[in-house]
Amino acid sequence: MRSLFSWRLVAGFSVALASWGVQAAALDGTLTLVVGYAPGGGSDRVARVIGDKLHSALGVTVVVENVAGAGGRIAAQQVRRAGANQNVLMLGNPAVMVVAPLVFKDVGYDPDKDFVPVSRVADYQFAVAVGREVPVREWPHLVAWLKANPEKANFGVPAAGSLPHFFGLMLGDAVKVAPQIVSYRGSAPLANDLLGGQLPVAIDTLDALYAQHAAGKVRILAMSGTQRAGFAKDIPTFREAGFNVAATGWNAFFAPASMPPAKVQLLGQAIRAAMQDESVRKAFETMYLTPVLSTPAETAQMLKAFRAQWEPVVKRAGFVP
């Protein structure tokens, strides 16, 4: 059954690639997917799920290379230097492609000049959660509670300068509360303090908080998307709660600027085809991520709009690493 499935997948991808007018022979040798974080994390799992499908579809060896350090910036610096003959993509996110270039004097790469968008593959939302000791069950109630207890307006975030950090500031502006941002070294210690009652409010990605919410250990009051997540129909959006706030994060593949355009199109089309596979979409949903179909042009447009939304927020915060 496994060999039959693989044969059908390869055949289907071959037909799709042929219909796009791109020859699979344009990709010779190993394809490397660089992830700027340690194995086992969300980005790593996304790359491995897609890498498995690209291996079957393109008939080449696909290697996921974890280049952890500096919040993904070391990986970006490495991929930037790749030659035109190298088959290498980076799985990037807003922290690497948008936030870091705004807050660091020199990140060692230019996100516009050194990279070419290939395909956005996943979106994720942000969420606000409270511990069981906080006497509120809805977002408007939390806002009222924070205004009545301003000394408790401590928002925990998984990392200083992360997107949840800036989303917390965005929320503070929206509800007229000046939060104290408490930075942690990752989602795990943040969740531990929320569970232990040392922290009243946590802001993190929805996928990082949802398991604890589902287990009844914390309460997620609202999520940041424009509509409710399919796996979390019980959680309203901020807009549904009466606050005009919406924001999402994403994972997308980027190629070094040296990569020939034909190869960029080939890989973009292959990734887009992989994202239509039901097993890939189900794998993303089990990670509490929203799978996305996107072309290189659509990914570039998304990146432009994302920067327009977040650059003012980051600059206004005056954050210095």
C-alpha atoms as a PDB file:
ATOM      1  CA  MET A   1       0.000   0.000   0.000  1.00  0.00           C
ATOM      2  CA  ARG A   2       2.868   2.360   0.826  1.00  0.00           C
ATOM      3  CA  SER A   3       4.559   1.801  -2.539  1.00  0.00           C
ATOM      4  CA  LEU A   4       1.236   2.204  -4.390  1.00  0.00           C
ATOM      5  CA  PHE A   5       0.538   5.475  -2.560  1.00  0.00           C
ATOM      6  CA  SER A   6       4.043   6.770  -3.353  1.00  0.00           C
ATOM      7  CA  TRP A   7       3.658   5.833  -7.016  1.00  0.00           C
ATOM      8  CA  ARG A   8       0.343   7.668  -7.262  1.00  0.00           C
ATOM      9  CA  LEU A   9       1.779  10.709  -5.498  1.00  0.00           C
ATOM     10  CA  VAL A  10       4.786  10.849  -7.827  1.00  0.00           C
ATOM     11  CA  ALA A  11       2.545  10.380 -10.852  1.00  0.00           C
ATOM     12  CA  GLY A  12       0.181  13.093  -9.702  1.00  0.00           C
ATOM     13  CA  PHE A  13       2.992  15.538  -9.044  1.00  0.00           C
ATOM     14  CA  SER A  14       4.606  14.729 -12.397  1.00  0.00           C
ATOM     15  CA  VAL A  15       1.367  15.529 -14.209  1.00  0.00           C
ATOM     16  CA  ALA A  16       0.986  18.732 -12.199  1.00  0.00           C
ATOM     17  CA  LEU A  17       4.545  19.846 -12.869  1.00  0.00           C
ATOM     18  CA  ALA A  18       4.180  19.085 -16.555  1.00  0.00           C
ATOM     19  CA  SER A  19       0.978  21.125 -16.709  1.00  0.00           C
ATOM     20  CA  TRP A  20       2.829  24.049 -15.148  1.00  0.00           C
ATOM     21  CA  GLY A  21       5.444  23.858 -17.896  1.00  0.00           C
ATOM     22  CA  VAL A  22       8.310  23.158 -15.503  1.00  0.00           C
ATOM     23  CA  GLN A  23      10.585  20.160 -15.867  1.00  0.00           C
ATOM     24  CA  ALA A  24      11.426  18.194 -12.720  1.00  0.00           C
ATOM     25  CA  ALA A  25      14.879  17.669 -14.222  1.00  0.00           C
ATOM     26  CA  ALA A  26      15.583  21.305 -13.305  1.00  0.00           C
ATOM     27  CA  LEU A  27      16.208  20.059  -9.768  1.00  0.00           C
ATOM     28  CA  ASP A  28      19.333  17.911  -9.614  1.00  0.00           C
ATOM     29  CA  GLY A  29      20.814  16.676  -6.367  1.00  0.00           C
ATOM     30  CA  THR A  30      19.770  16.938  -2.735  1.00  0.00           C
ATOM     31  CA  LEU A  31      17.243  19.562  -1.612  1.00  0.00           C
ATOM     32  CA  THR A  32      18.075  21.054   1.802  1.00  0.00           C
ATOM     33  CA  LEU A  33      15.390  22.661   3.954  1.00  0.00           C
ATOM     34  CA  VAL A  34      17.061  24.864   6.561  1.00  0.00           C
ATOM     35  CA  VAL A  35      15.232  25.444   9.847  1.00  0.00           C
ATOM     36  CA  GLY A  36      16.572  28.077  12.235  1.00  0.00           C
ATOM     37  CA  TYR A  37      15.475  26.229  15.363  1.00  0.00           C
ATOM     38  CA  ALA A  38      16.176  23.002  17.219  1.00  0.00           C
ATOM     39  CA  PRO A  39      14.669  19.669  16.163  1.00  0.00           C
ATOM     40  CA  GLY A  40      11.226  18.854  17.531  1.00  0.00           C
ATOM     41  CA  GLY A  41       9.771  22.359  17.464  1.00  0.00           C
ATOM     42  CA  GLY A  42       6.889  23.598  15.357  1.00  0.00           C
ATOM     43  CA  SER A  43       9.033  24.903  12.501  1.00  0.00           C
ATOM     44  CA  ASP A  44      11.017  21.669  12.399  1.00  0.00           C
ATOM     45  CA  ARG A  45       7.862  19.555  12.211  1.00  0.00           C
ATOM     46  CA  VAL A  46       6.414  21.705   9.414  1.00  0.00           C
ATOM     47  CA  ALA A  47       9.606  21.334   7.363  1.00  0.00           C
ATOM     48  CA  ARG A  48       9.725  17.572   7.847  1.00  0.00           C
ATOM     49  CA  VAL A  49       6.098  17.008   6.849  1.00  0.00           C
ATOM     50  CA  ILE A  50       6.567  18.975   3.627  1.00  0.00           C
ATOM     51  CA  GLY A  51      10.040  17.587   3.015  1.00  0.00           C
ATOM     52  CA  ASP A  52       8.650  14.051   3.031  1.00  0.00           C
ATOM     53  CA  LYS A  53       6.181  14.924   0.270  1.00  0.00           C
ATOM     54  CA  LEU A  54       8.792  16.765  -1.797  1.00  0.00           C
ATOM     55  CA  HIS A  55      11.058  13.726  -1.626  1.00  0.00           C
ATOM     56  CA  SER A  56       8.306  11.542  -3.115  1.00  0.00           C
ATOM     57  CA  ALA A  57       7.168  14.122  -5.645  1.00  0.00           C
ATOM     58  CA  LEU A  58      10.476  15.369  -7.021  1.00  0.00           C
ATOM     59  CA  GLY A  59      12.405  12.129  -6.718  1.00  0.00           C
ATOM     60  CA  VAL A  60      15.331  13.738  -4.904  1.00  0.00           C
ATOM     61  CA  THR A  61      16.760  13.367  -1.427  1.00  0.00           C
ATOM     62  CA  VAL A  62      15.378  16.004   0.949  1.00  0.00           C
ATOM     63  CA  VAL A  63      17.323  16.871   4.086  1.00  0.00           C
ATOM     64  CA  VAL A  64      16.072  19.036   6.943  1.00  0.00           C
ATOM     65  CA  GLU A  65      19.024  20.910   8.433  1.00  0.00           C
ATOM     66  CA  ASN A  66      18.569  22.519  11.852  1.00  0.00           C
ATOM     67  CA  VAL A  67      20.746  25.614  12.214  1.00  0.00           C
ATOM     68  CA  ALA A  68      19.652  26.881  15.614  1.00  0.00           C
ATOM     69  CA  GLY A  69      20.809  30.107  17.205  1.00  0.00           C
ATOM     70  CA  ALA A  70      20.103  33.835  17.429  1.00  0.00           C
ATOM     71  CA  GLY A  71      16.374  33.349  16.933  1.00  0.00           C
ATOM     72  CA  GLY A  72      16.782  31.996  13.401  1.00  0.00           C
ATOM     73  CA  ARG A  73      19.184  34.676  12.191  1.00  0.00           C
ATOM     74  CA  ILE A  74      22.169  32.329  11.873  1.00  0.00           C
ATOM     75  CA  ALA A  75      20.160  30.123   9.532  1.00  0.00           C
ATOM     76  CA  ALA A  76      19.240  33.147   7.417  1.00  0.00           C
ATOM     77  CA  GLN A  77      22.868  34.208   7.214  1.00  0.00           C
ATOM     78  CA  GLN A  78      23.833  30.727   6.014  1.00  0.00           C
ATOM     79  CA  VAL A  79      21.110  30.462   3.370  1.00  0.00           C
ATOM     80  CA  ARG A  80      21.882  33.979   2.103  1.00  0.00           C
ATOM     81  CA  ARG A  81      25.355  32.785   1.073  1.00  0.00           C
ATOM     82  CA  ALA A  82      24.120  29.784  -0.938  1.00  0.00           C
ATOM     83  CA  GLY A  83      25.276  29.630  -4.544  1.00  0.00           C
ATOM     84  CA  ALA A  84      23.037  29.510  -7.602  1.00  0.00           C
ATOM     85  CA  ASN A  85      23.724  25.786  -8.053  1.00  0.00           C
ATOM     86  CA  GLN A  86      22.594  24.857  -4.540  1.00  0.00           C
ATOM     87  CA  ASN A  87      19.133  23.468  -3.859  1.00  0.00           C
ATOM     88  CA  VAL A  88      18.395  25.103  -0.531  1.00  0.00           C
ATOM     89  CA  LEU A  89      15.313  26.708   1.031  1.00  0.00           C
ATOM     90  CA  MET A  90      14.799  28.319   4.418  1.00  0.00           C
ATOM     91  CA  LEU A  91      11.604  27.951   6.422  1.00  0.00           C
ATOM     92  CA  GLY A  92      11.191  31.517   7.665  1.00  0.00           C
ATOM     93  CA  ASN A  93       8.796  33.326   9.971  1.00  0.00           C
ATOM     94  CA  PRO A  94       8.026  36.935  10.975  1.00  0.00           C
ATOM     95  CA  ALA A  95      10.720  36.981  13.659  1.00  0.00           C
ATOM     96  CA  VAL A  96      13.455  36.430  11.059  1.00  0.00           C
ATOM     97  CA  MET A  97      12.025  38.199   8.014  1.00  0.00           C
ATOM     98  CA  VAL A  98      10.293  41.204   9.610  1.00  0.00           C
ATOM     99  CA  VAL A  99      11.037  41.845  13.284  1.00  0.00           C
ATOM    100  CA  ALA A 100      14.791  41.162  13.529  1.00  0.00           C
ATOM    101  CA  PRO A 101      15.754  43.553  10.695  1.00  0.00           C
ATOM    102  CA  LEU A 102      13.774  46.289  12.464  1.00  0.00           C
ATOM    103  CA  VAL A 103      15.275  45.906  15.939  1.00  0.00           C
ATOM    104  CA  PHE A 104      18.877  44.807  15.301  1.00  0.00           C
ATOM    105  CA  LYS A 105      21.442  47.152  13.803  1.00  0.00           C
ATOM    106  CA  ASP A 106      22.935  44.404  11.642  1.00  0.00           C
ATOM    107  CA  VAL A 107      21.318  40.997  11.262  1.00  0.00           C
ATOM    108  CA  GLY A 108      23.784  39.869   8.609  1.00  0.00           C
ATOM    109  CA  TYR A 109      21.240  39.681   5.803  1.00  0.00           C
ATOM    110  CA  ASP A 110      18.735  41.814   3.919  1.00  0.00           C
ATOM    111  CA  PRO A 111      15.305  40.123   3.863  1.00  0.00           C
ATOM    112  CA  ASP A 112      14.397  41.825   0.561  1.00  0.00           C
ATOM    113  CA  LYS A 113      17.660  41.652  -1.362  1.00  0.00           C
ATOM    114  CA  ASP A 114      18.990  38.309  -0.136  1.00  0.00           C
ATOM    115  CA  PHE A 115      15.831  36.181  -0.353  1.00  0.00           C
ATOM    116  CA  VAL A 116      13.029  35.322  -2.755  1.00  0.00           C
ATOM    117  CA  PRO A 117       9.613  34.194  -1.436  1.00  0.00           C
ATOM    118  CA  VAL A 118       8.720  30.671  -2.554  1.00  0.00           C
ATOM    119  CA  SER A 119       5.584  29.574  -0.731  1.00  0.00           C
ATOM    120  CA  ARG A 120       3.702  30.387   2.445  1.00  0.00           C
ATOM    121  CA  VAL A 121       2.535  27.132   4.005  1.00  0.00           C
ATOM    122  CA  ALA A 122       0.944  27.854   7.379  1.00  0.00           C
ATOM    123  CA  ASP A 123      -0.740  30.562   9.417  1.00  0.00           C
ATOM    124  CA  TYR A 124      -1.079  30.679  13.184  1.00  0.00           C
ATOM    125  CA  GLN A 125      -2.951  32.880  15.589  1.00  0.00           C
ATOM    126  CA  PHE A 126      -2.073  34.509  18.890  1.00  0.00           C
ATOM    127  CA  ALA A 127      -4.076  34.012  22.046  1.00  0.00           C
ATOM    128  CA  VAL A 128      -4.474  35.492  25.507  1.00  0.00           C
ATOM    129  CA  ALA A 129      -4.773  33.040  28.379  1.00  0.00           C
ATOM    130  CA  VAL A 130      -5.243  33.459  32.111  1.00  0.00           C
ATOM    131  CA  GLY A 131      -4.551  31.130  34.996  1.00  0.00           C
ATOM    132  CA  ARG A 132      -7.361  29.616  37.022  1.00  0.00           C
ATOM    133  CA  GLU A 133      -6.745  32.108  39.856  1.00  0.00           C
ATOM    134  CA  VAL A 134      -7.739  35.065  37.667  1.00  0.00           C
ATOM    135  CA  PRO A 135     -11.481  35.637  38.225  1.00  0.00           C
ATOM    136  CA  VAL A 136     -12.540  36.241  34.618  1.00  0.00           C
ATOM    137  CA  ARG A 137     -13.896  34.091  31.799  1.00  0.00           C
ATOM    138  CA  GLU A 138     -14.195  36.547  28.905  1.00  0.00           C
ATOM    139  CA  TRP A 139     -11.835  39.047  27.302  1.00  0.00           C
ATOM    140  CA  PRO A 140     -13.938  42.163  28.130  1.00  0.00           C
ATOM    141  CA  HIS A 141     -14.000  41.017  31.765  1.00  0.00           C
ATOM    142  CA  LEU A 142     -10.198  40.735  31.771  1.00  0.00           C
ATOM    143  CA  VAL A 143      -9.888  44.264  30.389  1.00  0.00           C
ATOM    144  CA  ALA A 144     -12.111  45.566  33.209  1.00  0.00           C
ATOM    145  CA  TRP A 145     -10.135  43.543  35.764  1.00  0.00           C
ATOM    146  CA  LEU A 146      -6.808  44.917  34.500  1.00  0.00           C
ATOM    147  CA  LYS A 147      -8.090  48.478  34.631  1.00  0.00           C
ATOM    148  CA  ALA A 148      -9.262  47.912  38.201  1.00  0.00           C
ATOM    149  CA  ASN A 149      -5.956  46.217  39.105  1.00  0.00           C
ATOM    150  CA  PRO A 150      -3.286  47.968  36.980  1.00  0.00           C
ATOM    151  CA  GLU A 151      -0.503  46.552  39.146  1.00  0.00           C
ATOM    152  CA  LYS A 152      -1.467  43.082  37.836  1.00  0.00           C
ATOM    153  CA  ALA A 153      -1.228  44.045  34.164  1.00  0.00           C
ATOM    154  CA  ASN A 154       1.738  41.726  33.615  1.00  0.00           C
ATOM    155  CA  PHE A 155       1.675  40.039  30.209  1.00  0.00           C
ATOM    156  CA  GLY A 156       4.003  37.065  29.914  1.00  0.00           C
ATOM    157  CA  VAL A 157       5.421  36.350  26.450  1.00  0.00           C
ATOM    158  CA  PRO A 158       7.666  33.502  25.224  1.00  0.00           C
ATOM    159  CA  ALA A 159      10.559  35.777  24.218  1.00  0.00           C
ATOM    160  CA  ALA A 160      11.597  39.408  24.238  1.00  0.00           C
ATOM    161  CA  GLY A 161      11.104  40.928  20.809  1.00  0.00           C
ATOM    162  CA  SER A 162       8.867  38.084  19.673  1.00  0.00           C
ATOM    163  CA  LEU A 163       5.634  38.627  17.796  1.00  0.00           C
ATOM    164  CA  PRO A 164       3.590  37.797  20.931  1.00  0.00           C
ATOM    165  CA  HIS A 165       5.587  40.575  22.674  1.00  0.00           C
ATOM    166  CA  PHE A 166       4.515  43.152  20.104  1.00  0.00           C
ATOM    167  CA  PHE A 167       1.000  41.744  19.924  1.00  0.00           C
ATOM    168  CA  GLY A 168       0.759  42.332  23.670  1.00  0.00           C
ATOM    169  CA  LEU A 169       1.669  45.968  23.129  1.00  0.00           C
ATOM    170  CA  MET A 170      -0.878  46.161  20.307  1.00  0.00           C
ATOM    171  CA  LEU A 171      -3.541  44.829  22.669  1.00  0.00           C
ATOM    172  CA  GLY A 172      -2.520  47.291  25.362  1.00  0.00           C
ATOM    173  CA  ASP A 173      -3.028  50.175  22.932  1.00  0.00           C
ATOM    174  CA  ALA A 174      -6.413  48.813  21.860  1.00  0.00           C
ATOM    175  CA  VAL A 175      -7.806  48.489  25.389  1.00  0.00           C
ATOM    176  CA  LYS A 176      -6.033  51.517  26.912  1.00  0.00           C
ATOM    177  CA  VAL A 177      -3.980  49.466  29.366  1.00  0.00           C
ATOM    178  CA  ALA A 178      -0.212  49.887  29.774  1.00  0.00           C
ATOM    179  CA  PRO A 179       1.027  46.303  30.249  1.00  0.00           C
ATOM    180  CA  GLN A 180       4.328  45.266  31.760  1.00  0.00           C
ATOM    181  CA  ILE A 181       5.794  42.733  29.338  1.00  0.00           C
ATOM    182  CA  VAL A 182       7.429  39.807  31.149  1.00  0.00           C
ATOM    183  CA  SER A 183       9.738  37.890  28.801  1.00  0.00           C
ATOM    184  CA  TYR A 184      10.503  34.186  29.139  1.00  0.00           C
ATOM    185  CA  ARG A 185      12.919  31.836  27.440  1.00  0.00           C
ATOM    186  CA  GLY A 186      10.318  29.921  25.511  1.00  0.00           C
ATOM    187  CA  SER A 187       6.712  28.797  25.707  1.00  0.00           C
ATOM    188  CA  ALA A 188       7.315  26.011  28.253  1.00  0.00           C
ATOM    189  CA  PRO A 189       8.525  28.194  31.163  1.00  0.00           C
ATOM    190  CA  LEU A 190       5.844  30.757  30.296  1.00  0.00           C
ATOM    191  CA  ALA A 191       3.147  28.084  30.587  1.00  0.00           C
ATOM    192  CA  ASN A 192       4.641  26.769  33.832  1.00  0.00           C
ATOM    193  CA  ASP A 193       4.362  30.162  35.523  1.00  0.00           C
ATOM    194  CA  LEU A 194       0.835  30.645  34.198  1.00  0.00           C
ATOM    195  CA  LEU A 195      -0.168  27.238  35.553  1.00  0.00           C
ATOM    196  CA  GLY A 196       1.578  27.902  38.858  1.00  0.00           C
ATOM    197  CA  GLY A 197      -0.164  31.213  39.435  1.00  0.00           C
ATOM    198  CA  GLN A 198       3.032  33.306  39.314  1.00  0.00           C
ATOM    199  CA  LEU A 199       1.763  35.038  36.175  1.00  0.00           C
ATOM    200  CA  PRO A 200      -1.813  36.272  35.621  1.00  0.00           C
ATOM    201  CA  VAL A 201      -1.832  36.665  31.827  1.00  0.00           C
ATOM    202  CA  ALA A 202       0.082  34.950  29.022  1.00  0.00           C
ATOM    203  CA  ILE A 203       0.240  35.883  25.351  1.00  0.00           C
ATOM    204  CA  ASP A 204       1.577  33.235  23.021  1.00  0.00           C
ATOM    205  CA  THR A 205       0.656  31.494  19.800  1.00  0.00           C
ATOM    206  CA  LEU A 206      -2.650  29.656  19.921  1.00  0.00           C
ATOM    207  CA  ASP A 207      -0.979  26.323  19.177  1.00  0.00           C
ATOM    208  CA  ALA A 208       1.370  26.762  22.162  1.00  0.00           C
ATOM    209  CA  LEU A 209      -1.495  27.423  24.618  1.00  0.00           C
ATOM    210  CA  TYR A 210      -4.330  25.326  23.289  1.00  0.00           C
ATOM    211  CA  ALA A 211      -3.436  21.941  24.821  1.00  0.00           C
ATOM    212  CA  GLN A 212      -3.467  23.437  28.334  1.00  0.00           C
ATOM    213  CA  HIS A 213      -6.762  25.164  27.556  1.00  0.00           C
ATOM    214  CA  ALA A 214      -8.333  21.945  26.289  1.00  0.00           C
ATOM    215  CA  ALA A 215      -7.200  20.197  29.478  1.00  0.00           C
ATOM    216  CA  GLY A 216      -8.900  22.881  31.585  1.00  0.00           C
ATOM    217  CA  LYS A 217      -5.636  24.039  33.156  1.00  0.00           C
ATOM    218  CA  VAL A 218      -5.757  27.586  31.729  1.00  0.00           C
ATOM    219  CA  ARG A 219      -8.442  29.658  30.015  1.00  0.00           C
ATOM    220  CA  ILE A 220      -7.877  31.159  26.574  1.00  0.00           C
ATOM    221  CA  LEU A 221     -10.124  34.199  26.387  1.00  0.00           C
ATOM    222  CA  ALA A 222      -9.701  35.229  22.757  1.00  0.00           C
ATOM    223  CA  MET A 223      -7.720  34.520  19.593  1.00  0.00           C
ATOM    224  CA  SER A 224      -6.296  36.972  17.097  1.00  0.00           C
ATOM    225  CA  GLY A 225      -7.599  35.720  13.742  1.00  0.00           C
ATOM    226  CA  THR A 226     -10.490  37.072  11.734  1.00  0.00           C
ATOM    227  CA  GLN A 227     -12.425  33.860  12.381  1.00  0.00           C
ATOM    228  CA  ARG A 228     -12.405  31.074  14.949  1.00  0.00           C
ATOM    229  CA  ALA A 229      -9.983  28.194  14.511  1.00  0.00           C
ATOM    230  CA  GLY A 230     -11.573  24.955  13.369  1.00  0.00           C
ATOM    231  CA  PHE A 231     -10.132  23.040  16.318  1.00  0.00           C
ATOM    232  CA  ALA A 232     -11.135  25.685  18.877  1.00  0.00           C
ATOM    233  CA  LYS A 233     -14.713  26.700  18.123  1.00  0.00           C
ATOM    234  CA  ASP A 234     -15.273  27.560  21.794  1.00  0.00           C
ATOM    235  CA  ILE A 235     -12.796  30.457  21.701  1.00  0.00           C
ATOM    236  CA  PRO A 236     -13.995  33.790  20.233  1.00  0.00           C
ATOM    237  CA  THR A 237     -11.884  36.187  18.228  1.00  0.00           C
ATOM    238  CA  PHE A 238     -10.992  39.583  19.678  1.00  0.00           C
ATOM    239  CA  ARG A 239     -13.332  41.158  17.131  1.00  0.00           C
ATOM    240  CA  GLU A 240     -16.185  38.967  18.314  1.00  0.00           C
ATOM    241  CA  ALA A 241     -15.372  40.106  21.841  1.00  0.00           C
ATOM    242  CA  GLY A 242     -15.839  43.717  20.756  1.00  0.00           C
ATOM    243  CA  PHE A 243     -12.226  44.791  20.096  1.00  0.00           C
ATOM    244  CA  ASN A 244     -11.063  45.545  16.556  1.00  0.00           C
ATOM    245  CA  VAL A 245      -7.768  43.677  16.782  1.00  0.00           C
ATOM    246  CA  ALA A 246      -6.624  41.013  14.315  1.00  0.00           C
ATOM    247  CA  ALA A 247      -3.172  39.577  13.594  1.00  0.00           C
ATOM    248  CA  THR A 248      -1.617  36.304  12.512  1.00  0.00           C
ATOM    249  CA  GLY A 249       1.843  34.812  12.108  1.00  0.00           C
ATOM    250  CA  TRP A 250       3.042  32.484   9.379  1.00  0.00           C
ATOM    251  CA  ASN A 251       5.623  29.999   8.141  1.00  0.00           C
ATOM    252  CA  ALA A 252       6.924  30.359   4.596  1.00  0.00           C
ATOM    253  CA  PHE A 253       9.744  28.996   2.484  1.00  0.00           C
ATOM    254  CA  PHE A 254      12.340  31.382   1.075  1.00  0.00           C
ATOM    255  CA  ALA A 255      15.086  30.784  -1.474  1.00  0.00           C
ATOM    256  CA  PRO A 256      18.408  32.593  -1.639  1.00  0.00           C
ATOM    257  CA  ALA A 257      18.353  35.409  -4.197  1.00  0.00           C
ATOM    258  CA  SER A 258      20.942  33.503  -6.221  1.00  0.00           C
ATOM    259  CA  MET A 259      18.491  30.713  -7.079  1.00  0.00           C
ATOM    260  CA  PRO A 260      17.400  30.773 -10.759  1.00  0.00           C
ATOM    261  CA  PRO A 261      13.771  31.916 -11.208  1.00  0.00           C
ATOM    262  CA  ALA A 262      12.768  28.675 -12.939  1.00  0.00           C
ATOM    263  CA  LYS A 263      13.892  26.672  -9.921  1.00  0.00           C
ATOM    264  CA  VAL A 264      12.034  29.010  -7.563  1.00  0.00           C
ATOM    265  CA  GLN A 265       8.854  28.434  -9.567  1.00  0.00           C
ATOM    266  CA  LEU A 266       9.404  24.665  -9.642  1.00  0.00           C
ATOM    267  CA  LEU A 267       9.818  24.466  -5.883  1.00  0.00           C
ATOM    268  CA  GLY A 268       6.946  26.846  -5.234  1.00  0.00           C
ATOM    269  CA  GLN A 269       4.625  24.784  -7.381  1.00  0.00           C
ATOM    270  CA  ALA A 270       5.773  21.513  -5.803  1.00  0.00           C
ATOM    271  CA  ILE A 271       5.215  22.873  -2.290  1.00  0.00           C
ATOM    272  CA  ARG A 272       1.807  24.202  -3.248  1.00  0.00           C
ATOM    273  CA  ALA A 273       0.880  20.789  -4.634  1.00  0.00           C
ATOM    274  CA  ALA A 274       2.117  19.125  -1.441  1.00  0.00           C
ATOM    275  CA  MET A 275      -0.100  21.441   0.616  1.00  0.00           C
ATOM    276  CA  GLN A 276      -3.134  20.068  -1.231  1.00  0.00           C
ATOM    277  CA  ASP A 277      -2.380  16.562   0.030  1.00  0.00           C
ATOM    278  CA  GLU A 278      -4.928  15.560   2.667  1.00  0.00           C
ATOM    279  CA  SER A 279      -2.317  13.927   4.910  1.00  0.00           C
ATOM    280  CA  VAL A 280      -0.296  17.159   4.980  1.00  0.00           C
ATOM    281  CA  ARG A 281      -3.326  19.252   5.851  1.00  0.00           C
ATOM    282  CA  LYS A 282      -4.291  16.851   8.633  1.00  0.00           C
ATOM    283  CA  ALA A 283      -0.726  16.902   9.993  1.00  0.00           C
ATOM    284  CA  PHE A 284      -0.824  20.699  10.134  1.00  0.00           C
ATOM    285  CA  GLU A 285      -4.176  20.665  11.881  1.00  0.00           C
ATOM    286  CA  THR A 286      -2.845  18.296  14.559  1.00  0.00           C
ATOM    287  CA  MET A 287      -0.158  20.942  15.174  1.00  0.00           C
ATOM    288  CA  TYR A 288      -2.948  23.562  15.538  1.00  0.00           C
ATOM    289  CA  LEU A 289      -1.750  25.356  12.399  1.00  0.00           C
ATOM    290  CA  THR A 290      -3.845  26.531   9.448  1.00  0.00           C
ATOM    291  CA  PRO A 291      -2.502  25.081   6.159  1.00  0.00           C
ATOM    292  CA  VAL A 292      -2.119  27.619   3.341  1.00  0.00           C
ATOM    293  CA  LEU A 293      -1.872  27.366  -0.445  1.00  0.00           C
ATOM    294  CA  SER A 294       0.283  30.138  -1.887  1.00  0.00           C
ATOM    295  CA  THR A 295       2.334  30.997  -4.963  1.00  0.00           C
ATOM    296  CA  PRO A 296       5.654  32.909  -4.856  1.00  0.00           C
ATOM    297  CA  ALA A 297       3.845  36.084  -5.952  1.00  0.00           C
ATOM    298  CA  GLU A 298       1.132  35.667  -3.335  1.00  0.00           C
ATOM    299  CA  THR A 299       3.754  35.032  -0.663  1.00  0.00           C
ATOM    300  CA  ALA A 300       5.593  38.213  -1.637  1.00  0.00           C
ATOM    301  CA  GLN A 301       2.358  40.202  -1.439  1.00  0.00           C
ATOM    302  CA  MET A 302       1.563  38.737   1.979  1.00  0.00           C
ATOM    303  CA  LEU A 303       5.007  39.711   3.245  1.00  0.00           C
ATOM    304  CA  LYS A 304       4.550  43.276   2.024  1.00  0.00           C
ATOM    305  CA  ALA A 305       1.167  43.614   3.766  1.00  0.00           C
ATOM    306  CA  PHE A 306       2.499  42.015   6.935  1.00  0.00           C
ATOM    307  CA  ARG A 307       5.352  44.508   7.161  1.00  0.00           C
ATOM    308  CA  ALA A 308       2.947  47.394   6.662  1.00  0.00           C
ATOM    309  CA  GLN A 309       0.900  46.176   9.635  1.00  0.00           C
ATOM    310  CA  TRP A 310       3.717  45.364  12.048  1.00  0.00           C
ATOM    311  CA  GLU A 311       6.508  47.838  11.292  1.00  0.00           C
ATOM    312  CA  PRO A 312       4.723  50.772  13.003  1.00  0.00           C
ATOM    313  CA  VAL A 313       4.003  48.601  16.056  1.00  0.00           C
ATOM    314  CA  VAL A 314       7.618  47.460  16.387  1.00  0.00           C
ATOM    315  CA  LYS A 315       9.080  50.921  15.857  1.00  0.00           C
ATOM    316  CA  ARG A 316       6.639  52.577  18.248  1.00  0.00           C
ATOM    317  CA  ALA A 317       7.607  50.084  20.950  1.00  0.00           C
ATOM    318  CA  GLY A 318      11.217  51.316  20.854  1.00  0.00           C
ATOM    319  CA  PHE A 319      12.376  47.785  21.622  1.00  0.00           C
ATOM    320  CA  VAL A 320      16.136  47.332  21.890  1.00  0.00           C
ATOM    321  CA  PRO A 321      17.472  43.732  22.077  1.00  0.00           C
END
